[in-house]
Amino acid sequence: MNSRKEWSKMVDPELLEELVAFHKYGALSATAEHLMITQPTVTRGMKKLEQQLGVTLFNREFSNRIELNDTGLLAATEAQKLLQEENNFVEKILNYDHLKHKVVVGSVAPGPIGLMSEFQEQLSTQVSINHQLIAPANVVNDLRTLKERLIFTDKEIATDDIESLYMGTERLSLGIDKFHPLAQRKEVSFQDLAGLTFLVVQDIGPWQALIEKYIPDAKFLYQKDLASMRELSQYSSFPFFFTNLTGKTAATFARFSNNKHSRVPIIDPHNQIEFYGTYLKQDRKLIQPLLKQFGQFWTD
């Protein structure tokens, strides 16, 4: 009765969800509200769970409330683990069925997937790109649950089941009004950009912390909508960034199409992020050829 597998055979999963919710919210009324059921239903459910397990989970010394005892706290912790395992199982099966026909690709930064989108039709492997950036903390779980089969990361990951292949570096360049004094420079540093106001795409992954740290006294006008961002950067006088990866995309070419802005390289020791293609080792034979072919479009 101590194993989670045995629990799953003898206990109603809905009762475990009620137990976990009670552990989180600490009151029957709050638990019922969260689960959108009545408080008496929760009370009956907790009594039924105790009967199924054959143990007492609650202290009932007070007439107007109950609380988990030591056994109940352990039960709630184990129940949460079991429910998470079941959720991961379902997600993994559904994702596997979805991935049978294509490679879903994600990234912690927009540059790699922007470049892959541009040359997607030239790849011999069919890919589907997830344009919503992945939080670094979610990379390992996303791969293990098969949400993506390839994720571009800014750190090498090496575990028993996951590995990374180095792809190259990404570097920022400056798009700036051609009448601005910096537009006459062959190159600039982050220090040269001090005090300027930039148009920036809101979700740029690790680049956000980097530019906010190393460009002194700068202001950043973060834009959620990509279409608005392209139009604003094309017609306004605010400077903006592009990279050696995004610089090859049609969207960036459009920004410079009216000849209003100049391209100026940013030469700075902090202006560099390394990227890796990260994947499950079991997918090595599928992913490595894809990465090697994609690498032909990636120039540092």
Protein backbone atom coordinates (compact mmCIF):
# COMPACT_ATOMS: atom_id res chain seq x y z
CA MET A 1 0.00 0.00 0.00
CA ASN A 2 3.04 2.27 0.18
CA SER A 3 3.67 2.38 -3.59
CA ARG A 4 2.01 4.96 -5.81
CA LYS A 5 1.12 2.25 -8.35
CA GLU A 6 -0.94 0.42 -5.70
CA TRP A 7 -2.63 3.68 -4.80
CA SER A 8 -3.74 4.18 -8.38
CA LYS A 9 -5.56 0.82 -8.32
CA MET A 10 -7.46 1.40 -5.07
CA VAL A 11 -8.17 5.14 -4.96
CA ASP A 12 -10.41 7.37 -7.08
CA PRO A 13 -8.14 9.99 -8.78
CA GLU A 14 -10.78 12.66 -8.17
CA LEU A 15 -10.40 12.11 -4.43
CA LEU A 16 -6.65 12.57 -4.76
CA GLU A 17 -7.26 15.85 -6.58
CA GLU A 18 -9.49 16.95 -3.71
CA LEU A 19 -6.80 16.00 -1.18
CA VAL A 20 -4.10 17.92 -3.07
CA ALA A 21 -6.38 20.95 -3.36
CA PHE A 22 -7.16 20.83 0.37
CA HIS A 23 -3.43 20.68 1.13
CA LYS A 24 -2.90 23.76 -1.03
CA TYR A 25 -5.83 25.87 0.18
CA GLY A 26 -6.17 24.60 3.77
CA ALA A 27 -9.94 24.90 4.04
CA LEU A 28 -12.96 22.97 2.80
CA SER A 29 -14.67 26.08 1.44
CA ALA A 30 -11.62 27.20 -0.55
CA THR A 31 -11.08 23.67 -1.84
CA ALA A 32 -14.69 23.43 -3.00
CA GLU A 33 -14.48 26.83 -4.69
CA HIS A 34 -11.28 25.88 -6.52
CA LEU A 35 -12.71 22.55 -7.73
CA MET A 36 -16.14 24.11 -8.47
CA ILE A 37 -17.98 21.58 -6.30
CA THR A 38 -19.91 21.91 -3.04
CA GLN A 39 -18.30 21.85 0.38
CA PRO A 40 -20.33 18.78 1.48
CA THR A 41 -19.02 16.96 -1.58
CA VAL A 42 -15.45 17.64 -0.46
CA THR A 43 -16.26 16.50 3.08
CA ARG A 44 -17.76 13.24 1.82
CA GLY A 45 -14.86 12.76 -0.54
CA MET A 46 -12.24 13.09 2.18
CA LYS A 47 -14.09 10.58 4.39
CA LYS A 48 -14.34 8.19 1.46
CA LEU A 49 -10.60 8.56 0.78
CA GLU A 50 -9.83 7.67 4.39
CA GLN A 51 -12.02 4.58 4.04
CA GLN A 52 -10.31 3.50 0.82
CA LEU A 53 -6.85 3.92 2.35
CA GLY A 54 -7.78 2.57 5.75
CA VAL A 55 -6.05 5.45 7.59
CA THR A 56 -6.98 8.74 9.25
CA LEU A 57 -5.79 11.76 7.26
CA PHE A 58 -7.29 14.62 9.27
CA ASN A 59 -7.34 16.05 12.74
CA ARG A 60 -10.95 16.75 13.69
CA GLU A 61 -10.44 18.17 17.17
CA PHE A 62 -12.20 21.39 16.27
CA SER A 63 -15.89 21.41 15.43
CA ASN A 64 -15.68 24.11 12.80
CA ARG A 65 -12.62 22.99 10.81
CA ILE A 66 -10.33 20.09 9.97
CA GLU A 67 -6.64 19.94 9.20
CA LEU A 68 -4.27 17.34 7.74
CA ASN A 69 -2.35 15.21 10.23
CA ASP A 70 1.16 13.87 9.54
CA THR A 71 -0.23 10.94 7.55
CA GLY A 72 -2.47 13.31 5.61
CA LEU A 73 0.46 15.57 4.73
CA LEU A 74 2.41 12.59 3.40
CA ALA A 75 -0.64 11.37 1.50
CA ALA A 76 -1.15 14.79 -0.11
CA THR A 77 2.52 14.96 -1.17
CA GLU A 78 2.44 11.47 -2.69
CA ALA A 79 -0.92 12.14 -4.33
CA GLN A 80 0.49 15.21 -6.05
CA LYS A 81 3.40 13.16 -7.40
CA LEU A 82 1.04 10.46 -8.65
CA LEU A 83 -1.26 12.93 -10.38
CA GLN A 84 1.73 14.62 -12.02
CA GLU A 85 2.98 11.25 -13.28
CA GLU A 86 -0.43 10.50 -14.75
CA ASN A 87 -0.57 13.93 -16.42
CA ASN A 88 2.91 13.41 -17.86
CA PHE A 89 1.88 9.98 -19.14
CA VAL A 90 -1.13 11.36 -21.01
CA GLU A 91 0.84 14.32 -22.37
CA LYS A 92 3.67 12.09 -23.53
CA ILE A 93 1.36 9.72 -25.41
CA LEU A 94 -0.54 12.56 -27.10
CA ASN A 95 2.68 14.35 -28.01
CA TYR A 96 4.23 11.17 -29.38
CA ASP A 97 1.25 10.62 -31.67
CA HIS A 98 1.52 14.24 -32.85
CA LEU A 99 5.28 13.99 -33.41
CA LYS A 100 5.20 10.81 -35.49
CA HIS A 101 4.89 12.80 -38.67
CA LYS A 102 7.11 15.83 -38.03
CA VAL A 103 9.75 17.33 -35.75
CA VAL A 104 8.41 20.05 -33.49
CA VAL A 105 11.09 22.67 -32.83
CA GLY A 106 11.22 25.24 -30.05
CA SER A 107 13.72 27.73 -28.68
CA VAL A 108 14.57 29.86 -25.65
CA ALA A 109 15.24 32.83 -27.98
CA PRO A 110 13.62 34.04 -31.23
CA GLY A 111 16.72 34.08 -33.44
CA PRO A 112 17.19 30.34 -34.13
CA ILE A 113 13.53 29.65 -34.89
CA GLY A 114 13.28 32.85 -36.93
CA LEU A 115 16.14 31.62 -39.09
CA MET A 116 14.68 28.12 -39.34
CA SER A 117 11.31 29.55 -40.38
CA GLU A 118 12.99 31.43 -43.21
CA PHE A 119 14.65 28.29 -44.63
CA GLN A 120 12.09 25.73 -43.49
CA GLU A 121 11.12 24.69 -47.01
CA GLN A 122 14.74 23.88 -47.87
CA LEU A 123 15.13 21.37 -45.03
CA SER A 124 14.84 17.70 -45.89
CA THR A 125 13.12 16.98 -42.55
CA GLN A 126 9.55 18.17 -42.04
CA VAL A 127 9.47 20.53 -39.07
CA SER A 128 6.76 22.34 -37.15
CA ILE A 129 7.97 25.43 -35.29
CA ASN A 130 6.65 26.48 -31.89
CA HIS A 131 7.06 30.27 -31.99
CA GLN A 132 6.25 30.72 -28.30
CA LEU A 133 9.58 30.85 -26.48
CA ILE A 134 10.35 28.13 -23.97
CA ALA A 135 11.48 29.01 -20.46
CA PRO A 136 14.90 27.46 -19.80
CA ALA A 137 13.51 25.72 -16.72
CA ASN A 138 10.98 23.86 -18.92
CA VAL A 139 13.40 22.56 -21.56
CA VAL A 140 14.14 19.17 -20.01
CA ASN A 141 10.51 18.39 -19.20
CA ASP A 142 9.34 19.52 -22.66
CA LEU A 143 11.79 17.12 -24.31
CA ARG A 144 11.00 14.22 -21.99
CA THR A 145 7.26 14.61 -22.50
CA LEU A 146 7.84 14.96 -26.27
CA LYS A 147 6.29 18.41 -26.47
CA GLU A 148 9.21 19.28 -28.73
CA ARG A 149 11.89 17.01 -30.15
CA LEU A 150 14.41 19.79 -30.71
CA ILE A 151 14.93 22.92 -28.60
CA PHE A 152 17.53 25.60 -29.23
CA THR A 153 19.09 26.46 -25.87
CA ASP A 154 21.67 29.00 -24.73
CA LYS A 155 23.27 26.39 -22.46
CA GLU A 156 24.62 22.92 -23.20
CA ILE A 157 22.53 20.24 -21.49
CA ALA A 158 24.02 16.81 -20.75
CA THR A 159 21.99 14.23 -18.82
CA ASP A 160 21.52 10.48 -19.08
CA ASP A 161 18.89 10.96 -21.80
CA ILE A 162 19.51 14.46 -23.24
CA GLU A 163 22.42 15.95 -25.16
CA SER A 164 23.26 19.18 -27.01
CA LEU A 165 25.01 19.93 -30.28
CA TYR A 166 26.77 23.30 -30.61
CA MET A 167 25.25 25.40 -33.39
CA GLY A 168 27.00 28.76 -33.26
CA THR A 169 26.67 32.25 -31.84
CA GLU A 170 24.15 35.03 -32.20
CA ARG A 171 25.19 38.69 -32.10
CA LEU A 172 23.24 41.92 -32.11
CA SER A 173 23.57 44.65 -34.72
CA LEU A 174 22.01 48.09 -34.70
CA GLY A 175 19.39 49.51 -37.03
CA ILE A 176 19.49 53.29 -36.67
CA ASP A 177 18.19 56.37 -38.48
CA LYS A 178 20.73 57.18 -41.18
CA PHE A 179 20.91 60.84 -40.03
CA HIS A 180 21.86 59.86 -36.49
CA PRO A 181 25.59 60.47 -35.72
CA LEU A 182 26.10 56.77 -34.87
CA ALA A 183 24.92 55.81 -38.36
CA GLN A 184 28.20 57.19 -39.70
CA ARG A 185 30.23 54.80 -37.55
CA LYS A 186 31.66 51.54 -38.91
CA GLU A 187 30.89 49.88 -35.56
CA VAL A 188 29.63 50.75 -32.08
CA SER A 189 29.89 49.31 -28.57
CA PHE A 190 27.18 48.94 -25.94
CA GLN A 191 28.70 51.93 -24.16
CA ASP A 192 28.18 54.03 -27.30
CA LEU A 193 24.45 53.30 -27.08
CA ALA A 194 24.07 54.73 -23.57
CA GLY A 195 20.91 56.77 -23.02
CA LEU A 196 19.17 55.81 -26.28
CA THR A 197 15.58 54.60 -26.52
CA PHE A 198 15.10 51.36 -28.46
CA LEU A 199 12.19 49.53 -30.02
CA VAL A 200 12.43 45.91 -28.90
CA VAL A 201 10.30 42.80 -29.38
CA GLN A 202 8.90 41.92 -25.97
CA ASP A 203 9.89 38.27 -25.83
CA ILE A 204 13.60 38.03 -26.70
CA GLY A 205 14.65 35.42 -24.16
CA PRO A 206 18.17 35.82 -22.71
CA TRP A 207 18.86 38.92 -24.79
CA GLN A 208 16.61 41.03 -22.56
CA ALA A 209 18.77 40.67 -19.46
CA LEU A 210 21.90 41.23 -21.53
CA ILE A 211 20.91 44.53 -23.15
CA GLU A 212 19.38 45.87 -19.94
CA LYS A 213 22.60 45.10 -18.08
CA TYR A 214 25.21 46.31 -20.54
CA ILE A 215 23.65 49.35 -22.26
CA PRO A 216 23.85 52.17 -19.69
CA ASP A 217 20.77 54.32 -18.99
CA ALA A 218 18.93 53.00 -22.05
CA LYS A 219 15.15 52.81 -22.39
CA PHE A 220 13.42 49.90 -24.10
CA LEU A 221 9.98 50.21 -25.67
CA TYR A 222 8.92 46.55 -25.66
CA GLN A 223 6.38 45.64 -28.33
CA LYS A 224 4.10 42.60 -28.05
CA ASP A 225 2.72 42.60 -31.57
CA LEU A 226 5.33 41.64 -34.16
CA ALA A 227 3.51 43.30 -37.05
CA SER A 228 3.33 46.59 -35.15
CA MET A 229 6.98 46.23 -34.19
CA ARG A 230 8.02 45.83 -37.83
CA GLU A 231 5.99 48.84 -38.92
CA LEU A 232 7.20 51.04 -36.08
CA SER A 233 10.84 50.16 -36.62
CA GLN A 234 10.49 50.74 -40.35
CA TYR A 235 8.98 54.22 -40.15
CA SER A 236 10.01 55.66 -36.77
CA SER A 237 13.33 57.18 -35.81
CA PHE A 238 13.84 54.86 -32.83
CA PRO A 239 16.83 52.51 -33.16
CA PHE A 240 16.24 48.75 -33.04
CA PHE A 241 18.21 45.53 -32.93
CA PHE A 242 18.59 42.67 -35.36
CA THR A 243 21.06 39.78 -35.32
CA ASN A 244 23.18 37.68 -37.62
CA LEU A 245 20.26 35.22 -37.58
CA THR A 246 17.20 37.48 -37.83
CA GLY A 247 19.06 39.70 -40.30
CA LYS A 248 18.47 37.02 -42.94
CA THR A 249 14.69 37.10 -42.58
CA ALA A 250 12.18 38.88 -44.80
CA ALA A 251 10.87 40.80 -41.78
CA THR A 252 14.26 42.41 -41.18
CA PHE A 253 14.75 43.22 -44.86
CA ALA A 254 11.37 45.00 -44.72
CA ARG A 255 12.62 47.19 -41.88
CA PHE A 256 15.34 48.57 -44.13
CA SER A 257 13.30 48.65 -47.33
CA ASN A 258 12.59 52.39 -47.28
CA ASN A 259 16.29 53.26 -46.88
CA LYS A 260 15.57 55.19 -43.67
CA HIS A 261 17.93 53.20 -41.45
CA SER A 262 21.58 52.15 -41.55
CA ARG A 263 22.99 48.82 -40.36
CA VAL A 264 25.80 49.20 -37.83
CA PRO A 265 27.62 46.23 -36.23
CA ILE A 266 27.86 46.17 -32.45
CA ILE A 267 31.37 45.12 -31.45
CA ASP A 268 31.37 44.42 -27.74
CA PRO A 269 32.76 41.55 -25.62
CA HIS A 270 29.30 41.00 -24.10
CA ASN A 271 27.50 40.90 -27.45
CA GLN A 272 27.35 37.16 -27.95
CA ILE A 273 25.14 34.23 -26.98
CA GLU A 274 26.07 30.65 -27.84
CA PHE A 275 23.30 28.33 -28.95
CA TYR A 276 22.92 24.58 -28.95
CA GLY A 277 20.47 22.17 -30.52
CA THR A 278 19.20 20.08 -27.59
CA TYR A 279 17.32 16.80 -27.97
CA LEU A 280 16.76 13.33 -26.52
CA LYS A 281 19.63 10.94 -27.18
CA GLN A 282 17.15 8.42 -28.54
CA ASP A 283 16.40 10.94 -31.35
CA ARG A 284 20.07 11.45 -32.28
CA LYS A 285 19.82 9.78 -35.70
CA LEU A 286 16.88 11.99 -36.62
CA ILE A 287 17.96 15.32 -35.11
CA GLN A 288 21.69 15.49 -35.85
CA PRO A 289 21.27 15.38 -39.66
CA LEU A 290 18.62 18.10 -39.36
CA LEU A 291 20.94 20.27 -37.26
CA LYS A 292 23.86 19.78 -39.63
CA GLN A 293 21.74 20.79 -42.61
CA PHE A 294 20.28 23.77 -40.74
CA GLY A 295 23.80 24.78 -39.69
CA GLN A 296 24.59 25.64 -43.32
CA PHE A 297 22.27 28.66 -42.96
CA TRP A 298 23.73 29.70 -39.62
CA THR A 299 26.75 31.99 -40.06
CA ASP A 300 28.45 33.64 -37.11
